Amino acid sequence: MPKRLLTFALLMSGGALLSGCLTMSGNYEIQAYDQRGKRLDPNIVWYAEGRHVYTVRNALCMSHPDATLITIDLETGEQHPSESPHRCR
């Protein structure tokens, strides 16, 4: 196998494995808090399914650049361990 083809195959398989680690599944609620811990948009409930958590999180960070976001797994009622809390910057 030519070296270039082998390198390409390794990069593609590594990328496929890595992207699998970043994919979320499940249903989530995202809550936004200001720097004092006060809930932002208290009358709005933000829900996302799976990887769409990142879309909602990005939209909230654009609306509230200094917010802290909490991602709650709706099945367990617990914060998602790797995604919460998230500090917008």
C-alpha atoms as a PDB file:
ATOM      1  CA  MET A   1       0.000   0.000   0.000  1.00  0.00           C
ATOM      2  CA  PRO A   2       1.465   3.375  -0.930  1.00  0.00           C
ATOM      3  CA  LYS A   3       2.517   5.564   1.989  1.00  0.00           C
ATOM      4  CA  ARG A   4       0.139   8.391   1.018  1.00  0.00           C
ATOM      5  CA  LEU A   5      -2.876   6.057   0.950  1.00  0.00           C
ATOM      6  CA  LEU A   6      -1.933   4.526   4.299  1.00  0.00           C
ATOM      7  CA  THR A   7      -1.582   7.975   5.882  1.00  0.00           C
ATOM      8  CA  PHE A   8      -4.972   8.996   4.505  1.00  0.00           C
ATOM      9  CA  ALA A   9      -6.619   5.818   5.825  1.00  0.00           C
ATOM     10  CA  LEU A  10      -5.119   6.326   9.289  1.00  0.00           C
ATOM     11  CA  LEU A  11      -6.253   9.951   9.441  1.00  0.00           C
ATOM     12  CA  MET A  12      -9.791   9.086   8.353  1.00  0.00           C
ATOM     13  CA  SER A  13     -10.168   6.221  10.818  1.00  0.00           C
ATOM     14  CA  GLY A  14      -8.729   8.346  13.641  1.00  0.00           C
ATOM     15  CA  GLY A  15     -11.135  11.146  12.810  1.00  0.00           C
ATOM     16  CA  ALA A  16     -14.069   8.745  12.785  1.00  0.00           C
ATOM     17  CA  LEU A  17     -13.130   7.392  16.204  1.00  0.00           C
ATOM     18  CA  LEU A  18     -12.611  10.851  17.647  1.00  0.00           C
ATOM     19  CA  SER A  19     -15.920  12.182  16.365  1.00  0.00           C
ATOM     20  CA  GLY A  20     -17.712   9.254  17.994  1.00  0.00           C
ATOM     21  CA  CYS A  21     -16.396  10.389  21.358  1.00  0.00           C
ATOM     22  CA  LEU A  22     -17.806  13.875  20.883  1.00  0.00           C
ATOM     23  CA  THR A  23     -21.337  12.861  19.949  1.00  0.00           C
ATOM     24  CA  MET A  24     -23.955  13.296  22.645  1.00  0.00           C
ATOM     25  CA  SER A  25     -27.202  11.372  22.800  1.00  0.00           C
ATOM     26  CA  GLY A  26     -30.275  11.887  24.933  1.00  0.00           C
ATOM     27  CA  ASN A  27     -32.484  14.838  25.795  1.00  0.00           C
ATOM     28  CA  TYR A  28     -31.245  17.840  27.708  1.00  0.00           C
ATOM     29  CA  GLU A  29     -32.369  21.089  29.262  1.00  0.00           C
ATOM     30  CA  ILE A  30     -29.927  23.991  29.118  1.00  0.00           C
ATOM     31  CA  GLN A  31     -30.186  26.709  31.757  1.00  0.00           C
ATOM     32  CA  ALA A  32     -28.316  30.028  31.642  1.00  0.00           C
ATOM     33  CA  TYR A  33     -27.169  31.917  34.747  1.00  0.00           C
ATOM     34  CA  ASP A  34     -25.520  35.308  35.151  1.00  0.00           C
ATOM     35  CA  GLN A  35     -22.352  35.953  37.166  1.00  0.00           C
ATOM     36  CA  ARG A  36     -24.375  36.356  40.373  1.00  0.00           C
ATOM     37  CA  GLY A  37     -26.124  33.008  39.878  1.00  0.00           C
ATOM     38  CA  LYS A  38     -29.448  34.499  38.778  1.00  0.00           C
ATOM     39  CA  ARG A  39     -31.301  32.520  36.120  1.00  0.00           C
ATOM     40  CA  LEU A  40     -31.402  34.276  32.746  1.00  0.00           C
ATOM     41  CA  ASP A  41     -34.570  33.964  30.675  1.00  0.00           C
ATOM     42  CA  PRO A  42     -36.548  32.346  33.550  1.00  0.00           C
ATOM     43  CA  ASN A  43     -39.725  32.093  31.456  1.00  0.00           C
ATOM     44  CA  ILE A  44     -38.002  30.203  28.626  1.00  0.00           C
ATOM     45  CA  VAL A  45     -37.085  26.525  28.767  1.00  0.00           C
ATOM     46  CA  TRP A  46     -34.287  25.498  26.383  1.00  0.00           C
ATOM     47  CA  TYR A  47     -34.371  21.850  25.303  1.00  0.00           C
ATOM     48  CA  ALA A  48     -32.006  20.032  22.964  1.00  0.00           C
ATOM     49  CA  GLU A  49     -31.656  16.505  21.679  1.00  0.00           C
ATOM     50  CA  GLY A  50     -28.240  14.891  21.341  1.00  0.00           C
ATOM     51  CA  ARG A  51     -25.605  16.873  19.517  1.00  0.00           C
ATOM     52  CA  HIS A  52     -27.978  19.847  19.153  1.00  0.00           C
ATOM     53  CA  VAL A  53     -26.932  20.803  22.685  1.00  0.00           C
ATOM     54  CA  TYR A  54     -23.993  22.596  21.071  1.00  0.00           C
ATOM     55  CA  THR A  55     -26.294  24.652  18.810  1.00  0.00           C
ATOM     56  CA  VAL A  56     -28.430  25.793  21.744  1.00  0.00           C
ATOM     57  CA  ARG A  57     -25.336  26.434  23.853  1.00  0.00           C
ATOM     58  CA  ASN A  58     -23.772  28.578  21.105  1.00  0.00           C
ATOM     59  CA  ALA A  59     -26.994  30.573  20.670  1.00  0.00           C
ATOM     60  CA  LEU A  60     -27.253  31.204  24.412  1.00  0.00           C
ATOM     61  CA  CYS A  61     -23.609  32.272  24.589  1.00  0.00           C
ATOM     62  CA  MET A  62     -24.192  34.722  21.733  1.00  0.00           C
ATOM     63  CA  SER A  63     -27.174  36.187  23.604  1.00  0.00           C
ATOM     64  CA  HIS A  64     -25.479  36.178  27.012  1.00  0.00           C
ATOM     65  CA  PRO A  65     -21.669  36.340  26.543  1.00  0.00           C
ATOM     66  CA  ASP A  66     -20.871  36.165  30.277  1.00  0.00           C
ATOM     67  CA  ALA A  67     -23.348  33.412  31.169  1.00  0.00           C
ATOM     68  CA  THR A  68     -22.701  30.074  32.798  1.00  0.00           C
ATOM     69  CA  LEU A  69     -24.710  27.267  31.202  1.00  0.00           C
ATOM     70  CA  ILE A  70     -25.918  24.170  33.001  1.00  0.00           C
ATOM     71  CA  THR A  71     -26.803  21.134  30.861  1.00  0.00           C
ATOM     72  CA  ILE A  72     -29.199  18.747  32.595  1.00  0.00           C
ATOM     73  CA  ASP A  73     -29.868  15.223  31.353  1.00  0.00           C
ATOM     74  CA  LEU A  74     -33.661  14.897  31.371  1.00  0.00           C
ATOM     75  CA  GLU A  75     -33.507  11.130  31.941  1.00  0.00           C
ATOM     76  CA  THR A  76     -31.417  11.321  35.111  1.00  0.00           C
ATOM     77  CA  GLY A  77     -32.069  14.896  36.246  1.00  0.00           C
ATOM     78  CA  GLU A  78     -28.299  15.312  36.708  1.00  0.00           C
ATOM     79  CA  GLN A  79     -25.856  17.702  35.083  1.00  0.00           C
ATOM     80  CA  HIS A  80     -23.997  16.256  32.122  1.00  0.00           C
ATOM     81  CA  PRO A  81     -20.529  15.586  33.580  1.00  0.00           C
ATOM     82  CA  SER A  82     -18.431  16.689  30.603  1.00  0.00           C
ATOM     83  CA  GLU A  83     -20.637  19.524  29.301  1.00  0.00           C
ATOM     84  CA  SER A  84     -21.773  21.252  32.457  1.00  0.00           C
ATOM     85  CA  PRO A  85     -21.137  23.832  33.700  1.00  0.00           C
ATOM     86  CA  HIS A  86     -20.028  25.704  30.582  1.00  0.00           C
ATOM     87  CA  ARG A  87     -18.741  29.263  30.830  1.00  0.00           C
ATOM     88  CA  CYS A  88     -19.508  31.485  27.831  1.00  0.00           C
ATOM     89  CA  ARG A  89     -16.624  33.706  26.768  1.00  0.00           C
END
